[in-house]
N, C-alpha and C. Protein backbone atom coordinates (compact mmCIF):
# COMPACT_ATOMS: atom_id res chain seq x y z
N MET A 1 0.84 -1.18 0.00
CA MET A 1 0.00 0.00 0.00
C MET A 1 0.89 1.25 0.00
N ALA A 2 0.56 2.22 -0.87
CA ALA A 2 1.36 3.43 -0.97
C ALA A 2 1.26 4.24 0.31
N ARG A 3 2.39 4.81 0.71
CA ARG A 3 2.40 5.63 1.93
C ARG A 3 1.72 6.96 1.64
N VAL A 4 0.85 7.39 2.57
CA VAL A 4 0.15 8.66 2.41
C VAL A 4 1.09 9.80 2.79
N SER A 5 1.19 10.80 1.96
CA SER A 5 2.12 11.90 2.22
C SER A 5 1.62 12.79 3.36
N ALA A 6 2.57 13.49 3.96
CA ALA A 6 2.23 14.43 5.03
C ALA A 6 1.33 15.54 4.50
N GLU A 7 1.56 15.93 3.25
CA GLU A 7 0.74 16.98 2.64
C GLU A 7 -0.71 16.52 2.51
N HIS A 8 -0.89 15.24 2.14
CA HIS A 8 -2.24 14.70 2.01
C HIS A 8 -2.93 14.66 3.37
N LEU A 9 -2.21 14.23 4.40
CA LEU A 9 -2.79 14.16 5.73
C LEU A 9 -3.19 15.54 6.23
N GLU A 10 -2.34 16.52 6.00
CA GLU A 10 -2.65 17.87 6.45
C GLU A 10 -3.83 18.45 5.67
N ALA A 11 -3.91 18.13 4.39
CA ALA A 11 -5.03 18.62 3.57
C ALA A 11 -6.35 18.05 4.07
N ARG A 12 -6.35 16.78 4.44
CA ARG A 12 -7.56 16.15 4.98
C ARG A 12 -7.94 16.79 6.31
N ARG A 13 -6.96 16.99 7.16
CA ARG A 13 -7.23 17.62 8.46
C ARG A 13 -7.79 19.03 8.25
N ARG A 14 -7.20 19.76 7.30
CA ARG A 14 -7.67 21.10 6.99
C ARG A 14 -9.11 21.06 6.49
N GLN A 15 -9.43 20.08 5.68
CA GLN A 15 -10.78 19.93 5.14
C GLN A 15 -11.80 19.72 6.25
N ILE A 16 -11.43 18.93 7.24
CA ILE A 16 -12.32 18.66 8.37
C ILE A 16 -12.53 19.93 9.19
N LEU A 17 -11.44 20.61 9.52
CA LEU A 17 -11.54 21.80 10.35
C LEU A 17 -12.30 22.93 9.65
N ASP A 18 -12.08 23.08 8.36
CA ASP A 18 -12.79 24.12 7.62
C ASP A 18 -14.29 23.83 7.58
N GLY A 19 -14.62 22.56 7.37
CA GLY A 19 -16.03 22.17 7.37
C GLY A 19 -16.67 22.38 8.73
N ALA A 20 -15.95 21.97 9.78
CA ALA A 20 -16.47 22.14 11.14
C ALA A 20 -16.65 23.61 11.47
N ARG A 21 -15.69 24.41 11.08
CA ARG A 21 -15.77 25.85 11.36
C ARG A 21 -17.02 26.45 10.72
N ARG A 22 -17.31 26.07 9.48
CA ARG A 22 -18.51 26.59 8.81
C ARG A 22 -19.76 26.17 9.58
N CYS A 23 -19.78 24.94 10.05
CA CYS A 23 -20.92 24.45 10.83
C CYS A 23 -21.06 25.23 12.14
N PHE A 24 -19.95 25.44 12.82
CA PHE A 24 -19.99 26.14 14.10
C PHE A 24 -20.47 27.58 13.93
N LEU A 25 -20.02 28.23 12.87
CA LEU A 25 -20.45 29.60 12.62
C LEU A 25 -21.93 29.67 12.27
N ARG A 26 -22.42 28.64 11.63
CA ARG A 26 -23.82 28.62 11.21
C ARG A 26 -24.75 28.22 12.35
N ASN A 27 -24.37 27.22 13.14
CA ASN A 27 -25.27 26.65 14.13
C ASN A 27 -24.77 26.69 15.57
N GLY A 28 -23.50 27.05 15.78
CA GLY A 28 -22.95 27.01 17.12
C GLY A 28 -22.35 25.66 17.44
N PHE A 29 -21.55 25.61 18.50
CA PHE A 29 -20.86 24.37 18.87
C PHE A 29 -21.84 23.24 19.20
N HIS A 30 -22.81 23.55 20.06
CA HIS A 30 -23.64 22.47 20.60
C HIS A 30 -24.75 22.01 19.66
N ALA A 31 -25.19 22.89 18.77
CA ALA A 31 -26.22 22.48 17.81
C ALA A 31 -25.63 21.77 16.60
N THR A 32 -24.31 21.73 16.52
CA THR A 32 -23.63 21.04 15.43
C THR A 32 -23.34 19.60 15.85
N SER A 33 -23.71 18.66 15.02
CA SER A 33 -23.45 17.25 15.30
C SER A 33 -22.27 16.77 14.46
N MET A 34 -21.74 15.61 14.82
CA MET A 34 -20.67 15.03 14.01
C MET A 34 -21.17 14.73 12.60
N GLN A 35 -22.44 14.37 12.48
CA GLN A 35 -23.01 14.12 11.16
C GLN A 35 -22.98 15.39 10.31
N ASP A 36 -23.23 16.53 10.96
CA ASP A 36 -23.15 17.81 10.25
C ASP A 36 -21.74 18.05 9.73
N VAL A 37 -20.75 17.74 10.57
CA VAL A 37 -19.35 17.93 10.18
C VAL A 37 -18.98 17.01 9.03
N LEU A 38 -19.45 15.77 9.09
CA LEU A 38 -19.16 14.82 8.01
C LEU A 38 -19.73 15.32 6.69
N LYS A 39 -20.97 15.79 6.75
CA LYS A 39 -21.64 16.26 5.53
C LYS A 39 -20.95 17.50 4.97
N GLU A 40 -20.61 18.44 5.86
CA GLU A 40 -20.00 19.69 5.42
C GLU A 40 -18.60 19.48 4.86
N SER A 41 -17.86 18.57 5.47
CA SER A 41 -16.48 18.32 5.02
C SER A 41 -16.43 17.40 3.80
N GLY A 42 -17.52 16.65 3.58
CA GLY A 42 -17.56 15.74 2.43
C GLY A 42 -16.72 14.49 2.63
N LEU A 43 -16.48 14.12 3.89
CA LEU A 43 -15.67 12.95 4.20
C LEU A 43 -16.48 11.90 4.95
N SER A 44 -15.98 10.69 4.94
CA SER A 44 -16.64 9.60 5.65
C SER A 44 -16.34 9.67 7.13
N ALA A 45 -17.12 8.95 7.93
CA ALA A 45 -16.90 8.91 9.37
C ALA A 45 -15.50 8.36 9.68
N GLY A 46 -15.10 7.34 8.95
CA GLY A 46 -13.79 6.75 9.18
C GLY A 46 -12.67 7.73 8.94
N ALA A 47 -12.82 8.55 7.89
CA ALA A 47 -11.78 9.53 7.55
C ALA A 47 -11.68 10.60 8.63
N VAL A 48 -12.83 11.05 9.13
CA VAL A 48 -12.83 12.10 10.15
C VAL A 48 -12.30 11.58 11.48
N TYR A 49 -12.75 10.38 11.87
CA TYR A 49 -12.33 9.84 13.16
C TYR A 49 -10.86 9.40 13.16
N ARG A 50 -10.28 9.36 12.00
CA ARG A 50 -8.84 9.09 11.94
C ARG A 50 -8.05 10.24 12.53
N TYR A 51 -8.62 11.45 12.44
CA TYR A 51 -7.93 12.64 12.91
C TYR A 51 -8.45 13.14 14.26
N PHE A 52 -9.75 12.97 14.49
CA PHE A 52 -10.36 13.48 15.71
C PHE A 52 -11.29 12.42 16.30
N ARG A 53 -11.13 12.16 17.60
CA ARG A 53 -11.93 11.12 18.24
C ARG A 53 -13.33 11.58 18.61
N SER A 54 -13.55 12.89 18.64
CA SER A 54 -14.85 13.40 19.05
C SER A 54 -15.05 14.83 18.55
N LYS A 55 -16.28 15.31 18.69
CA LYS A 55 -16.56 16.70 18.32
C LYS A 55 -15.80 17.65 19.25
N GLU A 56 -15.63 17.25 20.51
CA GLU A 56 -14.92 18.09 21.46
C GLU A 56 -13.48 18.33 21.01
N GLU A 57 -12.85 17.31 20.43
CA GLU A 57 -11.49 17.48 19.93
C GLU A 57 -11.46 18.44 18.75
N ILE A 58 -12.50 18.39 17.92
CA ILE A 58 -12.58 19.30 16.78
C ILE A 58 -12.77 20.73 17.28
N ILE A 59 -13.64 20.91 18.27
CA ILE A 59 -13.86 22.23 18.85
C ILE A 59 -12.55 22.78 19.40
N ALA A 60 -11.82 21.93 20.12
CA ALA A 60 -10.55 22.36 20.71
C ALA A 60 -9.56 22.79 19.63
N ALA A 61 -9.52 22.06 18.52
CA ALA A 61 -8.60 22.38 17.44
C ALA A 61 -8.98 23.69 16.75
N VAL A 62 -10.28 23.88 16.51
CA VAL A 62 -10.76 25.11 15.89
C VAL A 62 -10.50 26.30 16.80
N ALA A 63 -10.74 26.12 18.09
CA ALA A 63 -10.51 27.19 19.06
C ALA A 63 -9.03 27.55 19.13
N ALA A 64 -8.18 26.55 19.17
CA ALA A 64 -6.73 26.79 19.25
C ALA A 64 -6.25 27.57 18.04
N GLU A 65 -6.78 27.25 16.86
CA GLU A 65 -6.39 27.97 15.64
C GLU A 65 -6.83 29.43 15.71
N ALA A 66 -8.05 29.67 16.20
CA ALA A 66 -8.55 31.04 16.29
C ALA A 66 -7.70 31.87 17.24
N LEU A 67 -7.36 31.29 18.37
CA LEU A 67 -6.54 32.01 19.35
C LEU A 67 -5.12 32.24 18.83
N GLU A 68 -4.58 31.26 18.11
CA GLU A 68 -3.25 31.42 17.53
C GLU A 68 -3.23 32.50 16.46
N THR A 69 -4.33 32.63 15.73
CA THR A 69 -4.44 33.68 14.72
C THR A 69 -4.31 35.06 15.35
N ILE A 70 -4.95 35.24 16.52
CA ILE A 70 -4.86 36.51 17.23
C ILE A 70 -3.41 36.77 17.65
N ARG A 71 -2.79 35.76 18.23
CA ARG A 71 -1.43 35.93 18.75
C ARG A 71 -0.44 36.28 17.65
N THR A 72 -0.48 35.52 16.55
CA THR A 72 0.48 35.75 15.48
C THR A 72 0.25 37.09 14.77
N SER A 73 -1.01 37.48 14.62
CA SER A 73 -1.30 38.77 13.98
C SER A 73 -0.73 39.91 14.80
N PHE A 74 -0.88 39.83 16.12
CA PHE A 74 -0.33 40.85 17.00
C PHE A 74 1.19 40.84 16.96
N GLU A 75 1.76 39.64 16.98
CA GLU A 75 3.22 39.50 16.99
C GLU A 75 3.84 40.07 15.72
N GLN A 76 3.19 39.84 14.58
CA GLN A 76 3.71 40.35 13.32
C GLN A 76 3.75 41.87 13.29
N VAL A 77 2.73 42.49 13.86
CA VAL A 77 2.66 43.95 13.85
C VAL A 77 3.67 44.55 14.82
N THR A 78 3.81 43.96 16.00
CA THR A 78 4.67 44.55 17.04
C THR A 78 6.15 44.20 16.87
N SER A 79 6.47 43.37 15.88
CA SER A 79 7.87 43.02 15.67
C SER A 79 8.65 44.12 14.95
N ALA A 80 7.94 45.17 14.52
CA ALA A 80 8.60 46.28 13.83
C ALA A 80 9.57 46.98 14.78
N GLN A 81 10.64 47.51 14.22
CA GLN A 81 11.66 48.18 15.03
C GLN A 81 11.07 49.39 15.77
N VAL A 82 10.21 50.13 15.06
CA VAL A 82 9.51 51.26 15.67
C VAL A 82 8.08 50.81 15.93
N PRO A 83 7.65 50.73 17.19
CA PRO A 83 6.32 50.23 17.49
C PRO A 83 5.23 51.17 16.99
N PRO A 84 4.13 50.64 16.49
CA PRO A 84 3.02 51.50 16.07
C PRO A 84 2.32 52.08 17.28
N ALA A 85 1.76 53.28 17.12
CA ALA A 85 0.95 53.87 18.19
C ALA A 85 -0.28 52.98 18.40
N PRO A 86 -0.93 53.06 19.57
CA PRO A 86 -2.06 52.16 19.84
C PRO A 86 -3.13 52.14 18.77
N ASP A 87 -3.53 53.32 18.26
CA ASP A 87 -4.58 53.34 17.24
C ASP A 87 -4.09 52.68 15.95
N GLU A 88 -2.83 52.94 15.57
CA GLU A 88 -2.26 52.30 14.37
C GLU A 88 -2.15 50.79 14.58
N LEU A 89 -1.80 50.40 15.80
CA LEU A 89 -1.65 48.99 16.13
C LEU A 89 -2.93 48.23 15.85
N PHE A 90 -4.06 48.75 16.32
CA PHE A 90 -5.32 48.05 16.16
C PHE A 90 -5.72 47.93 14.69
N ILE A 91 -5.52 48.99 13.94
CA ILE A 91 -5.86 48.95 12.52
C ILE A 91 -5.04 47.88 11.80
N GLU A 92 -3.74 47.83 12.10
CA GLU A 92 -2.87 46.86 11.43
C GLU A 92 -3.21 45.42 11.86
N VAL A 93 -3.45 45.24 13.16
CA VAL A 93 -3.78 43.89 13.65
C VAL A 93 -5.09 43.42 13.07
N PHE A 94 -6.12 44.27 13.09
CA PHE A 94 -7.41 43.87 12.54
C PHE A 94 -7.31 43.61 11.04
N GLY A 95 -6.45 44.37 10.38
CA GLY A 95 -6.25 44.13 8.95
C GLY A 95 -5.63 42.77 8.69
N ARG A 96 -4.65 42.39 9.49
CA ARG A 96 -4.02 41.07 9.33
C ARG A 96 -5.00 39.95 9.68
N LEU A 97 -5.85 40.21 10.67
CA LEU A 97 -6.85 39.19 11.03
C LEU A 97 -7.81 38.96 9.88
N GLN A 98 -8.20 40.04 9.22
CA GLN A 98 -9.11 39.88 8.08
C GLN A 98 -8.43 39.13 6.94
N GLU A 99 -7.14 39.37 6.75
CA GLU A 99 -6.39 38.63 5.73
C GLU A 99 -6.38 37.14 6.05
N SER A 100 -6.27 36.81 7.34
CA SER A 100 -6.23 35.41 7.74
C SER A 100 -7.57 34.73 7.49
N VAL A 101 -8.67 35.49 7.61
CA VAL A 101 -9.99 34.93 7.34
C VAL A 101 -10.16 34.71 5.84
N GLY A 102 -9.64 35.65 5.07
CA GLY A 102 -9.74 35.54 3.62
C GLY A 102 -10.38 36.77 3.02
N ALA A 103 -9.83 37.22 1.92
CA ALA A 103 -10.36 38.39 1.24
C ALA A 103 -11.80 38.14 0.80
N GLY A 104 -12.66 39.10 1.05
CA GLY A 104 -14.05 38.96 0.64
C GLY A 104 -14.91 38.19 1.63
N GLU A 105 -14.29 37.60 2.65
CA GLU A 105 -15.07 36.86 3.64
C GLU A 105 -15.70 37.82 4.64
N ASP A 106 -16.74 37.35 5.32
CA ASP A 106 -17.45 38.15 6.30
C ASP A 106 -16.51 38.51 7.45
N PRO A 107 -16.26 39.80 7.72
CA PRO A 107 -15.35 40.20 8.81
C PRO A 107 -15.88 39.82 10.19
N ARG A 108 -17.15 39.38 10.25
CA ARG A 108 -17.72 39.00 11.55
C ARG A 108 -17.46 37.53 11.88
N GLU A 109 -16.89 36.78 10.95
CA GLU A 109 -16.70 35.35 11.19
C GLU A 109 -15.80 35.08 12.38
N LEU A 110 -14.60 35.66 12.39
CA LEU A 110 -13.68 35.41 13.49
C LEU A 110 -14.24 35.90 14.83
N PRO A 111 -14.80 37.13 14.90
CA PRO A 111 -15.40 37.55 16.16
C PRO A 111 -16.49 36.60 16.65
N ARG A 112 -17.34 36.12 15.76
CA ARG A 112 -18.41 35.20 16.17
C ARG A 112 -17.83 33.90 16.69
N LEU A 113 -16.77 33.45 16.07
CA LEU A 113 -16.15 32.21 16.52
C LEU A 113 -15.49 32.42 17.88
N LEU A 114 -14.83 33.55 18.07
CA LEU A 114 -14.16 33.83 19.34
C LEU A 114 -15.15 33.91 20.50
N VAL A 115 -16.30 34.53 20.27
CA VAL A 115 -17.31 34.62 21.32
C VAL A 115 -17.77 33.22 21.74
N GLN A 116 -17.92 32.33 20.77
CA GLN A 116 -18.28 30.95 21.08
C GLN A 116 -17.16 30.26 21.87
N VAL A 117 -15.93 30.51 21.48
CA VAL A 117 -14.79 29.89 22.16
C VAL A 117 -14.75 30.34 23.62
N TRP A 118 -14.87 31.65 23.86
CA TRP A 118 -14.84 32.15 25.24
C TRP A 118 -15.98 31.56 26.06
N SER A 119 -17.15 31.47 25.45
CA SER A 119 -18.30 30.91 26.16
C SER A 119 -18.09 29.43 26.49
N GLU A 120 -17.55 28.70 25.54
CA GLU A 120 -17.31 27.27 25.75
C GLU A 120 -16.28 27.05 26.85
N GLY A 121 -15.36 27.99 27.00
CA GLY A 121 -14.36 27.88 28.04
C GLY A 121 -14.93 27.90 29.45
N LEU A 122 -16.16 28.41 29.61
CA LEU A 122 -16.80 28.46 30.91
C LEU A 122 -17.25 27.08 31.38
N ARG A 123 -17.42 26.15 30.44
CA ARG A 123 -17.90 24.82 30.81
C ARG A 123 -16.91 23.71 30.50
N ASN A 124 -15.87 24.03 29.75
CA ASN A 124 -14.91 23.02 29.33
C ASN A 124 -13.54 23.34 29.95
N PRO A 125 -13.13 22.62 30.99
CA PRO A 125 -11.88 22.93 31.69
C PRO A 125 -10.65 22.90 30.78
N GLU A 126 -10.60 21.94 29.87
CA GLU A 126 -9.44 21.84 28.99
C GLU A 126 -9.35 23.04 28.06
N LEU A 127 -10.49 23.44 27.52
CA LEU A 127 -10.49 24.61 26.65
C LEU A 127 -10.22 25.88 27.46
N ALA A 128 -10.72 25.93 28.68
CA ALA A 128 -10.46 27.07 29.55
C ALA A 128 -8.95 27.24 29.77
N GLU A 129 -8.25 26.12 29.92
CA GLU A 129 -6.80 26.18 30.10
C GLU A 129 -6.11 26.71 28.85
N THR A 130 -6.59 26.27 27.68
CA THR A 130 -6.04 26.76 26.42
C THR A 130 -6.24 28.27 26.29
N ILE A 131 -7.43 28.73 26.65
CA ILE A 131 -7.74 30.16 26.58
C ILE A 131 -6.87 30.93 27.56
N SER A 132 -6.70 30.40 28.76
CA SER A 132 -5.87 31.06 29.77
C SER A 132 -4.42 31.18 29.32
N ASP A 133 -3.91 30.10 28.70
CA ASP A 133 -2.54 30.13 28.20
C ASP A 133 -2.38 31.19 27.11
N ALA A 134 -3.37 31.25 26.21
CA ALA A 134 -3.32 32.24 25.13
C ALA A 134 -3.38 33.65 25.69
N TYR A 135 -4.22 33.86 26.70
CA TYR A 135 -4.35 35.18 27.33
C TYR A 135 -3.04 35.57 28.01
N ALA A 136 -2.40 34.60 28.66
CA ALA A 136 -1.14 34.88 29.35
C ALA A 136 -0.07 35.29 28.35
N GLN A 137 0.01 34.58 27.23
CA GLN A 137 1.00 34.92 26.20
C GLN A 137 0.74 36.31 25.64
N LEU A 138 -0.54 36.59 25.39
CA LEU A 138 -0.90 37.89 24.84
C LEU A 138 -0.60 39.01 25.84
N SER A 139 -0.82 38.75 27.11
CA SER A 139 -0.55 39.75 28.14
C SER A 139 0.94 40.09 28.17
N VAL A 140 1.78 39.08 28.03
CA VAL A 140 3.23 39.31 28.02
C VAL A 140 3.61 40.16 26.81
N GLN A 141 3.04 39.84 25.65
CA GLN A 141 3.33 40.61 24.44
C GLN A 141 2.91 42.07 24.60
N TRP A 142 1.71 42.27 25.12
CA TRP A 142 1.20 43.63 25.30
C TRP A 142 2.03 44.39 26.32
N ALA A 143 2.37 43.73 27.44
CA ALA A 143 3.17 44.39 28.47
C ALA A 143 4.52 44.83 27.91
N ARG A 144 5.11 44.00 27.07
CA ARG A 144 6.38 44.34 26.44
C ARG A 144 6.22 45.58 25.55
N LEU A 145 5.10 45.64 24.84
CA LEU A 145 4.84 46.79 23.99
C LEU A 145 4.63 48.06 24.82
N ILE A 146 3.91 47.93 25.94
CA ILE A 146 3.68 49.08 26.81
C ILE A 146 5.02 49.60 27.33
N SER A 147 5.96 48.70 27.62
CA SER A 147 7.30 49.12 28.06
C SER A 147 7.97 49.98 27.00
N GLN A 148 7.79 49.60 25.73
CA GLN A 148 8.36 50.40 24.64
C GLN A 148 7.68 51.77 24.58
N TYR A 149 6.38 51.79 24.81
CA TYR A 149 5.66 53.07 24.83
C TYR A 149 6.19 53.96 25.95
N GLN A 150 6.46 53.35 27.10
CA GLN A 150 6.98 54.13 28.23
C GLN A 150 8.35 54.71 27.91
N SER A 151 9.19 53.94 27.26
CA SER A 151 10.54 54.42 26.92
C SER A 151 10.50 55.58 25.93
N ARG A 152 9.39 55.70 25.17
CA ARG A 152 9.24 56.77 24.19
C ARG A 152 8.43 57.94 24.76
N GLY A 153 8.01 57.80 26.02
CA GLY A 153 7.26 58.87 26.64
C GLY A 153 5.79 58.91 26.27
N TRP A 154 5.28 57.83 25.69
CA TRP A 154 3.88 57.78 25.27
C TRP A 154 2.96 57.36 26.40
N VAL A 155 3.50 56.65 27.38
CA VAL A 155 2.72 56.15 28.51
C VAL A 155 3.43 56.54 29.79
N ASP A 156 2.67 56.84 30.82
CA ASP A 156 3.22 57.20 32.12
C ASP A 156 4.26 56.15 32.54
N PRO A 157 5.50 56.55 32.78
CA PRO A 157 6.54 55.58 33.14
C PRO A 157 6.27 54.85 34.45
N GLY A 158 5.39 55.42 35.28
CA GLY A 158 5.08 54.76 36.55
C GLY A 158 3.93 53.79 36.45
N ALA A 159 3.30 53.70 35.28
CA ALA A 159 2.14 52.81 35.12
C ALA A 159 2.57 51.35 35.13
N ASP A 160 1.73 50.51 35.68
CA ASP A 160 1.98 49.07 35.68
C ASP A 160 1.71 48.54 34.28
N THR A 161 2.73 48.01 33.61
CA THR A 161 2.57 47.57 32.22
C THR A 161 1.54 46.47 32.06
N VAL A 162 1.44 45.58 33.04
CA VAL A 162 0.47 44.49 32.97
C VAL A 162 -0.96 45.04 33.06
N HIS A 163 -1.17 46.01 33.96
CA HIS A 163 -2.50 46.59 34.10
C HIS A 163 -2.93 47.30 32.81
N VAL A 164 -2.01 48.06 32.23
CA VAL A 164 -2.33 48.76 30.98
C VAL A 164 -2.60 47.75 29.87
N ALA A 165 -1.79 46.69 29.83
CA ALA A 165 -1.96 45.65 28.81
C ALA A 165 -3.34 45.01 28.91
N ARG A 166 -3.78 44.74 30.14
CA ARG A 166 -5.09 44.11 30.32
C ARG A 166 -6.23 45.02 29.87
N ILE A 167 -6.07 46.32 30.09
CA ILE A 167 -7.09 47.26 29.63
C ILE A 167 -7.19 47.25 28.10
N LEU A 168 -6.04 47.26 27.44
CA LEU A 168 -6.04 47.25 25.97
C LEU A 168 -6.58 45.93 25.42
N ILE A 169 -6.24 44.82 26.06
CA ILE A 169 -6.79 43.53 25.64
C ILE A 169 -8.31 43.54 25.80
N GLY A 170 -8.78 44.13 26.91
CA GLY A 170 -10.22 44.25 27.11
C GLY A 170 -10.89 45.06 26.02
N ALA A 171 -10.21 46.10 25.55
CA ALA A 171 -10.76 46.92 24.46
C ALA A 171 -10.89 46.09 23.19
N VAL A 172 -9.88 45.26 22.91
CA VAL A 172 -9.92 44.40 21.73
C VAL A 172 -11.06 43.39 21.86
N GLN A 173 -11.18 42.79 23.04
CA GLN A 173 -12.27 41.82 23.25
C GLN A 173 -13.62 42.49 23.07
N GLY A 174 -13.74 43.72 23.56
CA GLY A 174 -15.00 44.45 23.39
C GLY A 174 -15.31 44.70 21.92
N TYR A 175 -14.26 45.00 21.15
CA TYR A 175 -14.46 45.19 19.71
C TYR A 175 -15.00 43.92 19.07
N PHE A 176 -14.40 42.78 19.43
CA PHE A 176 -14.84 41.51 18.85
C PHE A 176 -16.28 41.18 19.23
N VAL A 177 -16.64 41.45 20.48
CA VAL A 177 -18.01 41.17 20.92
C VAL A 177 -19.00 42.04 20.15
N GLN A 178 -18.69 43.32 20.00
CA GLN A 178 -19.59 44.21 19.26
C GLN A 178 -19.70 43.79 17.80
N GLN A 179 -18.58 43.39 17.20
CA GLN A 179 -18.61 42.93 15.82
C GLN A 179 -19.46 41.67 15.69
N ALA A 180 -19.30 40.74 16.64
CA ALA A 180 -20.04 39.49 16.59
C ALA A 180 -21.54 39.71 16.73
N LEU A 181 -21.93 40.62 17.62
CA LEU A 181 -23.34 40.81 17.90
C LEU A 181 -24.03 41.75 16.91
N TRP A 182 -23.35 42.83 16.54
CA TRP A 182 -24.01 43.85 15.74
C TRP A 182 -23.30 44.19 14.43
N GLY A 183 -22.00 44.00 14.38
CA GLY A 183 -21.25 44.35 13.16
C GLY A 183 -21.25 45.85 12.92
N GLY A 184 -20.80 46.22 11.73
CA GLY A 184 -20.84 47.63 11.34
C GLY A 184 -19.80 48.50 12.00
N ILE A 185 -18.81 47.90 12.67
CA ILE A 185 -17.77 48.69 13.33
C ILE A 185 -16.45 48.44 12.61
N SER A 186 -15.95 49.43 11.92
CA SER A 186 -14.70 49.24 11.18
C SER A 186 -13.52 49.44 12.11
N PRO A 187 -12.38 48.84 11.79
CA PRO A 187 -11.17 49.07 12.58
C PRO A 187 -10.81 50.54 12.67
N GLU A 188 -11.06 51.29 11.59
CA GLU A 188 -10.74 52.71 11.59
C GLU A 188 -11.62 53.47 12.59
N GLU A 189 -12.90 53.10 12.67
CA GLU A 189 -13.79 53.75 13.64
C GLU A 189 -13.36 53.44 15.06
N PHE A 190 -12.98 52.19 15.28
CA PHE A 190 -12.50 51.79 16.60
C PHE A 190 -11.26 52.58 16.97
N ALA A 191 -10.33 52.70 16.04
CA ALA A 191 -9.08 53.42 16.30
C ALA A 191 -9.33 54.90 16.57
N THR A 192 -10.28 55.48 15.83
CA THR A 192 -10.60 56.89 16.04
C THR A 192 -11.16 57.12 17.44
N GLY A 193 -12.04 56.23 17.88
CA GLY A 193 -12.60 56.35 19.22
C GLY A 193 -11.54 56.17 20.29
N LEU A 194 -10.64 55.21 20.08
CA LEU A 194 -9.57 54.97 21.03
C LEU A 194 -8.64 56.18 21.11
N ARG A 195 -8.34 56.76 19.96
CA ARG A 195 -7.45 57.93 19.92
C ARG A 195 -8.05 59.09 20.72
N ALA A 196 -9.36 59.29 20.56
CA ALA A 196 -10.03 60.36 21.30
C ALA A 196 -10.03 60.08 22.80
N LEU A 197 -10.19 58.80 23.16
CA LEU A 197 -10.24 58.44 24.57
C LEU A 197 -8.90 58.64 25.26
N VAL A 198 -7.83 58.16 24.64
CA VAL A 198 -6.51 58.24 25.30
C VAL A 198 -5.99 59.67 25.34
N SER A 199 -6.51 60.53 24.48
CA SER A 199 -6.05 61.93 24.49
C SER A 199 -6.93 62.81 25.38
N MET A 200 -7.94 62.21 26.02
CA MET A 200 -8.84 62.97 26.88
C MET A 200 -8.09 63.54 28.09
N SER A 201 -8.36 64.77 28.41
CA SER A 201 -7.71 65.43 29.54
C SER A 201 -8.78 65.88 30.53
N VAL A 202 -8.67 65.40 31.77
CA VAL A 202 -9.63 65.76 32.82
C VAL A 202 -8.99 66.80 33.73
N PRO A 203 -9.62 67.96 33.94
CA PRO A 203 -9.04 69.02 34.78
C PRO A 203 -8.77 68.53 36.20
N ASP A 204 -7.70 69.03 36.78
CA ASP A 204 -7.34 68.62 38.14
C ASP A 204 -8.41 69.01 39.15
N ASP A 205 -9.09 70.16 38.94
CA ASP A 205 -10.09 70.59 39.91
C ASP A 205 -11.27 69.63 39.94
N HIS A 206 -11.54 68.97 38.82
CA HIS A 206 -12.63 67.98 38.79
C HIS A 206 -12.24 66.77 39.65
N ARG A 207 -10.99 66.32 39.50
CA ARG A 207 -10.53 65.18 40.29
C ARG A 207 -10.56 65.53 41.79
N THR A 208 -10.16 66.77 42.11
CA THR A 208 -10.18 67.19 43.51
C THR A 208 -11.59 67.22 44.06
N ALA A 209 -12.52 67.74 43.25
CA ALA A 209 -13.91 67.81 43.68
C ALA A 209 -14.48 66.41 43.91
N ARG A 210 -14.13 65.49 43.05
CA ARG A 210 -14.61 64.11 43.20
C ARG A 210 -14.06 63.49 44.47
N GLY A 211 -12.82 63.82 44.82
CA GLY A 211 -12.19 63.25 45.99
C GLY A 211 -12.76 63.78 47.29
N GLU A 212 -13.37 64.99 47.23
CA GLU A 212 -13.92 65.60 48.44
C GLU A 212 -15.31 65.09 48.76
N ARG A 213 -15.92 64.38 47.82
CA ARG A 213 -17.29 63.90 48.04
C ARG A 213 -17.30 62.73 48.99
């Protein structure tokens, strides 16, 4: 019997994951059955079970790919010798994410998938660990970037880099949630709003008045 090439094996695995992803986006994780995955991927049960023992394994693989897409897109942008400003950073990262989904594809696909992944992590301990690991890696990347901002005088040098990183990650997560639920929010609009927010100046007398209450 001829040996199956690594390229063939990877192509089959890709076929399964792409089919499963379409099912998950259409019906959600729990409303999707293995039969749905078989039909969407166009493969037999034997072919699919050769790569994945259960739907849970497929969910884990799809989730891991989505989280890795976020990490690598951010890493590619921040690897530049001169770091982009926060608003430029988001536009570039979101642009790379859209490239990873595919030109002409619905920009809400990845956000919708991520919302499902985060939700699934609340009930699936193994997936929760994967999400936590991805968040930890992203936090380190962001904190490193904040340190560069501090060295350039863009961020208060006394600020805790991890705290600032978590706030920015939260902003990105909020963008994804809004895109998943309602859409219609372009990266440029998000960046414009962020730029206005970080440049906001609150008078000292207002802060004093608030402290006296």
